[in-house]
Amino acid sequence: MSDQTDPPSAHISESRFDRGPLRQEVQLEIRRLHQLSNRGLWGLALFILISLGAQQDFKFLPPISDGARAVLGAAPPVMLISIALVVYSFSALILILSRMMGGSDSYRGWAHLGYLSAFYAFYYYAEALPENFWAIFAAGFTILALEYYQIWTYCSDAIRTEKELLSKLED
């Protein structure tokens, strides 16, 4: 029997490979995931700032002139705005919960922030904002908090996986 030996390149140990670039890539992904998870907090903070203005009935804005009201037309009935808010809220909650179950990495809080601000604007235009402020605030805070929780749990799981990979690279 002849004793065949493999060429030296076949026995290069795994430890001789440069793991630096891969380690940097994992660290960059961890940083990206941290930034992604913070979007939910920024969305909540911005919603609270908008809500503070709405709670003051947007007194810092000039009143809507009669000419602007003539161009825009009559405000929608408050009951229709309220029905739209309820339908929107339940739809948003169902979509968020389905993304949570699917483990999605998308954050839709910015769109929700726009829709919720529009509800503040509709009630303001209908001169019914003070009576309906808490309905919008409760719906908005719930939606945006769930959006934040959804993206935070996704990012936390992904960060945990990346840190496990990083610890294996450092061994």
C-alpha atoms as a PDB file:
ATOM      1  CA  MET A   1       0.000   0.000   0.000  1.00  0.00           C
ATOM      2  CA  SER A   2       1.314   3.332  -0.868  1.00  0.00           C
ATOM      3  CA  ASP A   3       1.004   6.069   1.658  1.00  0.00           C
ATOM      4  CA  GLN A   4      -0.514   8.925  -0.239  1.00  0.00           C
ATOM      5  CA  THR A   5      -0.375  12.329   1.322  1.00  0.00           C
ATOM      6  CA  ASP A   6      -2.599  15.186   0.437  1.00  0.00           C
ATOM      7  CA  PRO A   7      -1.042  18.386  -0.736  1.00  0.00           C
ATOM      8  CA  PRO A   8      -0.303  20.873   2.048  1.00  0.00           C
ATOM      9  CA  SER A   9      -3.086  23.192   0.877  1.00  0.00           C
ATOM     10  CA  ALA A  10      -5.696  20.548   1.744  1.00  0.00           C
ATOM     11  CA  HIS A  11      -4.747  20.681   5.419  1.00  0.00           C
ATOM     12  CA  ILE A  12      -4.919  24.416   5.931  1.00  0.00           C
ATOM     13  CA  SER A  13      -6.574  24.813   9.263  1.00  0.00           C
ATOM     14  CA  GLU A  14      -9.669  26.886   9.572  1.00  0.00           C
ATOM     15  CA  SER A  15      -7.897  29.138  12.056  1.00  0.00           C
ATOM     16  CA  ARG A  16      -5.496  30.357   9.352  1.00  0.00           C
ATOM     17  CA  PHE A  17      -8.283  31.995   7.367  1.00  0.00           C
ATOM     18  CA  ASP A  18      -8.690  35.694   7.948  1.00  0.00           C
ATOM     19  CA  ARG A  19     -11.956  36.126   9.829  1.00  0.00           C
ATOM     20  CA  GLY A  20     -11.570  39.880  10.173  1.00  0.00           C
ATOM     21  CA  PRO A  21     -13.760  40.901   7.220  1.00  0.00           C
ATOM     22  CA  LEU A  22     -16.494  38.479   8.236  1.00  0.00           C
ATOM     23  CA  ARG A  23     -16.324  39.730  11.834  1.00  0.00           C
ATOM     24  CA  GLN A  24     -16.635  43.328  10.613  1.00  0.00           C
ATOM     25  CA  GLU A  25     -19.603  42.385   8.450  1.00  0.00           C
ATOM     26  CA  VAL A  26     -21.365  40.785  11.421  1.00  0.00           C
ATOM     27  CA  GLN A  27     -20.652  43.840  13.598  1.00  0.00           C
ATOM     28  CA  LEU A  28     -22.043  46.130  10.885  1.00  0.00           C
ATOM     29  CA  GLU A  29     -25.191  43.993  10.692  1.00  0.00           C
ATOM     30  CA  ILE A  30     -25.609  44.233  14.468  1.00  0.00           C
ATOM     31  CA  ARG A  31     -25.291  48.027  14.253  1.00  0.00           C
ATOM     32  CA  ARG A  32     -27.833  48.134  11.407  1.00  0.00           C
ATOM     33  CA  LEU A  33     -30.275  46.046  13.428  1.00  0.00           C
ATOM     34  CA  HIS A  34     -29.901  48.359  16.443  1.00  0.00           C
ATOM     35  CA  GLN A  35     -30.675  51.354  14.219  1.00  0.00           C
ATOM     36  CA  LEU A  36     -33.663  49.563  12.706  1.00  0.00           C
ATOM     37  CA  SER A  37     -35.064  48.777  16.142  1.00  0.00           C
ATOM     38  CA  ASN A  38     -34.770  52.443  17.149  1.00  0.00           C
ATOM     39  CA  ARG A  39     -37.107  53.531  14.343  1.00  0.00           C
ATOM     40  CA  GLY A  40     -40.072  52.516  16.461  1.00  0.00           C
ATOM     41  CA  LEU A  41     -38.975  54.802  19.279  1.00  0.00           C
ATOM     42  CA  TRP A  42     -38.514  57.688  16.854  1.00  0.00           C
ATOM     43  CA  GLY A  43     -41.986  57.073  15.447  1.00  0.00           C
ATOM     44  CA  LEU A  44     -43.527  57.069  18.922  1.00  0.00           C
ATOM     45  CA  ALA A  45     -41.660  60.231  19.891  1.00  0.00           C
ATOM     46  CA  LEU A  46     -42.798  62.047  16.750  1.00  0.00           C
ATOM     47  CA  PHE A  47     -46.392  60.914  17.293  1.00  0.00           C
ATOM     48  CA  ILE A  48     -46.295  62.271  20.843  1.00  0.00           C
ATOM     49  CA  LEU A  49     -44.983  65.623  19.557  1.00  0.00           C
ATOM     50  CA  ILE A  50     -47.760  65.824  16.964  1.00  0.00           C
ATOM     51  CA  SER A  51     -50.261  64.828  19.651  1.00  0.00           C
ATOM     52  CA  LEU A  52     -49.049  67.622  21.928  1.00  0.00           C
ATOM     53  CA  GLY A  53     -49.852  70.095  19.152  1.00  0.00           C
ATOM     54  CA  ALA A  54     -53.234  68.454  18.586  1.00  0.00           C
ATOM     55  CA  GLN A  55     -54.053  68.556  22.288  1.00  0.00           C
ATOM     56  CA  GLN A  56     -53.610  72.320  22.124  1.00  0.00           C
ATOM     57  CA  ASP A  57     -56.008  72.319  19.132  1.00  0.00           C
ATOM     58  CA  PHE A  58     -53.082  73.408  16.927  1.00  0.00           C
ATOM     59  CA  LYS A  59     -53.258  76.932  18.361  1.00  0.00           C
ATOM     60  CA  PHE A  60     -49.781  77.628  16.993  1.00  0.00           C
ATOM     61  CA  LEU A  61     -51.205  77.371  13.454  1.00  0.00           C
ATOM     62  CA  PRO A  62     -53.195  80.196  11.899  1.00  0.00           C
ATOM     63  CA  PRO A  63     -56.947  79.552  11.775  1.00  0.00           C
ATOM     64  CA  ILE A  64     -58.376  78.250   8.531  1.00  0.00           C
ATOM     65  CA  SER A  65     -59.711  81.237   6.604  1.00  0.00           C
ATOM     66  CA  ASP A  66     -63.193  81.388   5.133  1.00  0.00           C
ATOM     67  CA  GLY A  67     -61.637  81.428   1.651  1.00  0.00           C
ATOM     68  CA  ALA A  68     -59.699  78.229   2.358  1.00  0.00           C
ATOM     69  CA  ARG A  69     -62.835  76.588   3.760  1.00  0.00           C
ATOM     70  CA  ALA A  70     -64.715  77.591   0.602  1.00  0.00           C
ATOM     71  CA  VAL A  71     -62.027  75.960  -1.559  1.00  0.00           C
ATOM     72  CA  LEU A  72     -61.822  72.818   0.583  1.00  0.00           C
ATOM     73  CA  GLY A  73     -65.557  72.480   1.026  1.00  0.00           C
ATOM     74  CA  ALA A  74     -67.486  71.244   4.014  1.00  0.00           C
ATOM     75  CA  ALA A  75     -65.821  69.022   6.562  1.00  0.00           C
ATOM     76  CA  PRO A  76     -66.827  65.382   6.528  1.00  0.00           C
ATOM     77  CA  PRO A  77     -69.338  64.449   9.226  1.00  0.00           C
ATOM     78  CA  VAL A  78     -67.651  63.629  12.509  1.00  0.00           C
ATOM     79  CA  MET A  79     -69.405  60.250  12.619  1.00  0.00           C
ATOM     80  CA  LEU A  80     -67.794  59.263   9.295  1.00  0.00           C
ATOM     81  CA  ILE A  81     -64.362  60.348  10.514  1.00  0.00           C
ATOM     82  CA  SER A  82     -64.883  58.253  13.642  1.00  0.00           C
ATOM     83  CA  ILE A  83     -65.963  55.214  11.632  1.00  0.00           C
ATOM     84  CA  ALA A  84     -62.902  55.613   9.396  1.00  0.00           C
ATOM     85  CA  LEU A  85     -60.677  55.813  12.499  1.00  0.00           C
ATOM     86  CA  VAL A  86     -62.137  52.585  13.910  1.00  0.00           C
ATOM     87  CA  VAL A  87     -61.810  50.730  10.589  1.00  0.00           C
ATOM     88  CA  TYR A  88     -58.267  52.017  10.106  1.00  0.00           C
ATOM     89  CA  SER A  89     -57.258  51.062  13.647  1.00  0.00           C
ATOM     90  CA  PHE A  90     -58.523  47.492  13.400  1.00  0.00           C
ATOM     91  CA  SER A  91     -56.990  47.052   9.945  1.00  0.00           C
ATOM     92  CA  ALA A  92     -53.637  48.351  11.147  1.00  0.00           C
ATOM     93  CA  LEU A  93     -53.689  46.096  14.205  1.00  0.00           C
ATOM     94  CA  ILE A  94     -54.474  43.017  12.114  1.00  0.00           C
ATOM     95  CA  LEU A  95     -51.668  43.813   9.679  1.00  0.00           C
ATOM     96  CA  ILE A  96     -49.171  44.412  12.481  1.00  0.00           C
ATOM     97  CA  LEU A  97     -50.119  41.173  14.227  1.00  0.00           C
ATOM     98  CA  SER A  98     -49.793  39.231  10.977  1.00  0.00           C
ATOM     99  CA  ARG A  99     -46.299  40.693  10.427  1.00  0.00           C
ATOM    100  CA  MET A 100     -45.428  39.741  13.999  1.00  0.00           C
ATOM    101  CA  MET A 101     -46.498  36.159  13.369  1.00  0.00           C
ATOM    102  CA  GLY A 102     -44.564  36.067  10.090  1.00  0.00           C
ATOM    103  CA  GLY A 103     -41.366  37.492  11.587  1.00  0.00           C
ATOM    104  CA  SER A 104     -41.232  40.408   9.179  1.00  0.00           C
ATOM    105  CA  ASP A 105     -38.359  42.870   9.256  1.00  0.00           C
ATOM    106  CA  SER A 106     -40.390  45.803   7.937  1.00  0.00           C
ATOM    107  CA  TYR A 107     -41.375  48.872   9.937  1.00  0.00           C
ATOM    108  CA  ARG A 108     -44.561  50.585   8.766  1.00  0.00           C
ATOM    109  CA  GLY A 109     -44.761  53.187  11.504  1.00  0.00           C
ATOM    110  CA  TRP A 110     -44.055  56.138   9.228  1.00  0.00           C
ATOM    111  CA  ALA A 111     -47.156  55.437   7.154  1.00  0.00           C
ATOM    112  CA  HIS A 112     -49.215  55.042  10.336  1.00  0.00           C
ATOM    113  CA  LEU A 113     -47.850  58.348  11.575  1.00  0.00           C
ATOM    114  CA  GLY A 114     -49.103  60.024   8.401  1.00  0.00           C
ATOM    115  CA  TYR A 115     -52.565  58.458   8.644  1.00  0.00           C
ATOM    116  CA  LEU A 116     -52.934  59.310  12.315  1.00  0.00           C
ATOM    117  CA  SER A 117     -51.860  62.892  11.651  1.00  0.00           C
ATOM    118  CA  ALA A 118     -54.506  63.034   8.927  1.00  0.00           C
ATOM    119  CA  PHE A 119     -57.149  61.996  11.477  1.00  0.00           C
ATOM    120  CA  TYR A 120     -56.006  64.854  13.715  1.00  0.00           C
ATOM    121  CA  ALA A 121     -56.315  67.180  10.690  1.00  0.00           C
ATOM    122  CA  PHE A 122     -59.803  65.923   9.747  1.00  0.00           C
ATOM    123  CA  TYR A 123     -61.135  66.379  13.258  1.00  0.00           C
ATOM    124  CA  TYR A 124     -59.439  69.771  13.445  1.00  0.00           C
ATOM    125  CA  TYR A 125     -61.074  70.846  10.183  1.00  0.00           C
ATOM    126  CA  ALA A 126     -64.443  69.551  11.421  1.00  0.00           C
ATOM    127  CA  GLU A 127     -63.866  71.576  14.632  1.00  0.00           C
ATOM    128  CA  ALA A 128     -64.255  68.401  16.711  1.00  0.00           C
ATOM    129  CA  LEU A 129     -60.644  67.715  17.684  1.00  0.00           C
ATOM    130  CA  PRO A 130     -60.920  68.383  21.447  1.00  0.00           C
ATOM    131  CA  GLU A 131     -63.763  65.865  21.788  1.00  0.00           C
ATOM    132  CA  ASN A 132     -61.959  63.204  19.740  1.00  0.00           C
ATOM    133  CA  PHE A 133     -58.334  63.744  20.706  1.00  0.00           C
ATOM    134  CA  TRP A 134     -58.114  60.807  23.114  1.00  0.00           C
ATOM    135  CA  ALA A 135     -59.593  58.370  20.602  1.00  0.00           C
ATOM    136  CA  ILE A 136     -56.887  59.202  18.074  1.00  0.00           C
ATOM    137  CA  PHE A 137     -54.175  59.254  20.711  1.00  0.00           C
ATOM    138  CA  ALA A 138     -55.164  55.845  22.144  1.00  0.00           C
ATOM    139  CA  ALA A 139     -55.434  54.266  18.692  1.00  0.00           C
ATOM    140  CA  GLY A 140     -52.178  55.834  17.534  1.00  0.00           C
ATOM    141  CA  PHE A 141     -50.199  54.964  20.611  1.00  0.00           C
ATOM    142  CA  THR A 142     -51.427  51.364  20.451  1.00  0.00           C
ATOM    143  CA  ILE A 143     -50.612  51.015  16.751  1.00  0.00           C
ATOM    144  CA  LEU A 144     -47.186  52.620  17.010  1.00  0.00           C
ATOM    145  CA  ALA A 145     -46.299  50.740  20.198  1.00  0.00           C
ATOM    146  CA  LEU A 146     -47.140  47.449  18.469  1.00  0.00           C
ATOM    147  CA  GLU A 147     -45.114  48.517  15.426  1.00  0.00           C
ATOM    148  CA  TYR A 148     -42.197  49.239  17.737  1.00  0.00           C
ATOM    149  CA  TYR A 149     -42.613  45.931  19.556  1.00  0.00           C
ATOM    150  CA  GLN A 150     -42.801  44.037  16.258  1.00  0.00           C
ATOM    151  CA  ILE A 151     -39.574  45.531  14.879  1.00  0.00           C
ATOM    152  CA  TRP A 152     -37.825  45.357  18.262  1.00  0.00           C
ATOM    153  CA  THR A 153     -38.538  41.617  18.692  1.00  0.00           C
ATOM    154  CA  TYR A 154     -37.400  40.895  15.140  1.00  0.00           C
ATOM    155  CA  CYS A 155     -34.185  42.876  15.651  1.00  0.00           C
ATOM    156  CA  SER A 156     -33.543  41.356  19.076  1.00  0.00           C
ATOM    157  CA  ASP A 157     -33.762  37.842  17.662  1.00  0.00           C
ATOM    158  CA  ALA A 158     -31.563  38.754  14.703  1.00  0.00           C
ATOM    159  CA  ILE A 159     -29.003  40.461  16.966  1.00  0.00           C
ATOM    160  CA  ARG A 160     -28.891  37.390  19.198  1.00  0.00           C
ATOM    161  CA  THR A 161     -28.205  35.225  16.130  1.00  0.00           C
ATOM    162  CA  GLU A 162     -25.500  37.603  14.893  1.00  0.00           C
ATOM    163  CA  LYS A 163     -23.833  37.684  18.318  1.00  0.00           C
ATOM    164  CA  GLU A 164     -23.779  33.885  18.399  1.00  0.00           C
ATOM    165  CA  LEU A 165     -22.068  33.927  15.006  1.00  0.00           C
ATOM    166  CA  LEU A 166     -19.641  36.548  16.257  1.00  0.00           C
ATOM    167  CA  SER A 167     -18.743  34.472  19.322  1.00  0.00           C
ATOM    168  CA  LYS A 168     -18.101  31.447  17.055  1.00  0.00           C
ATOM    169  CA  LEU A 169     -15.839  33.577  14.880  1.00  0.00           C
ATOM    170  CA  GLU A 170     -13.854  34.681  17.902  1.00  0.00           C
ATOM    171  CA  ASP A 171     -13.248  31.135  19.147  1.00  0.00           C
END
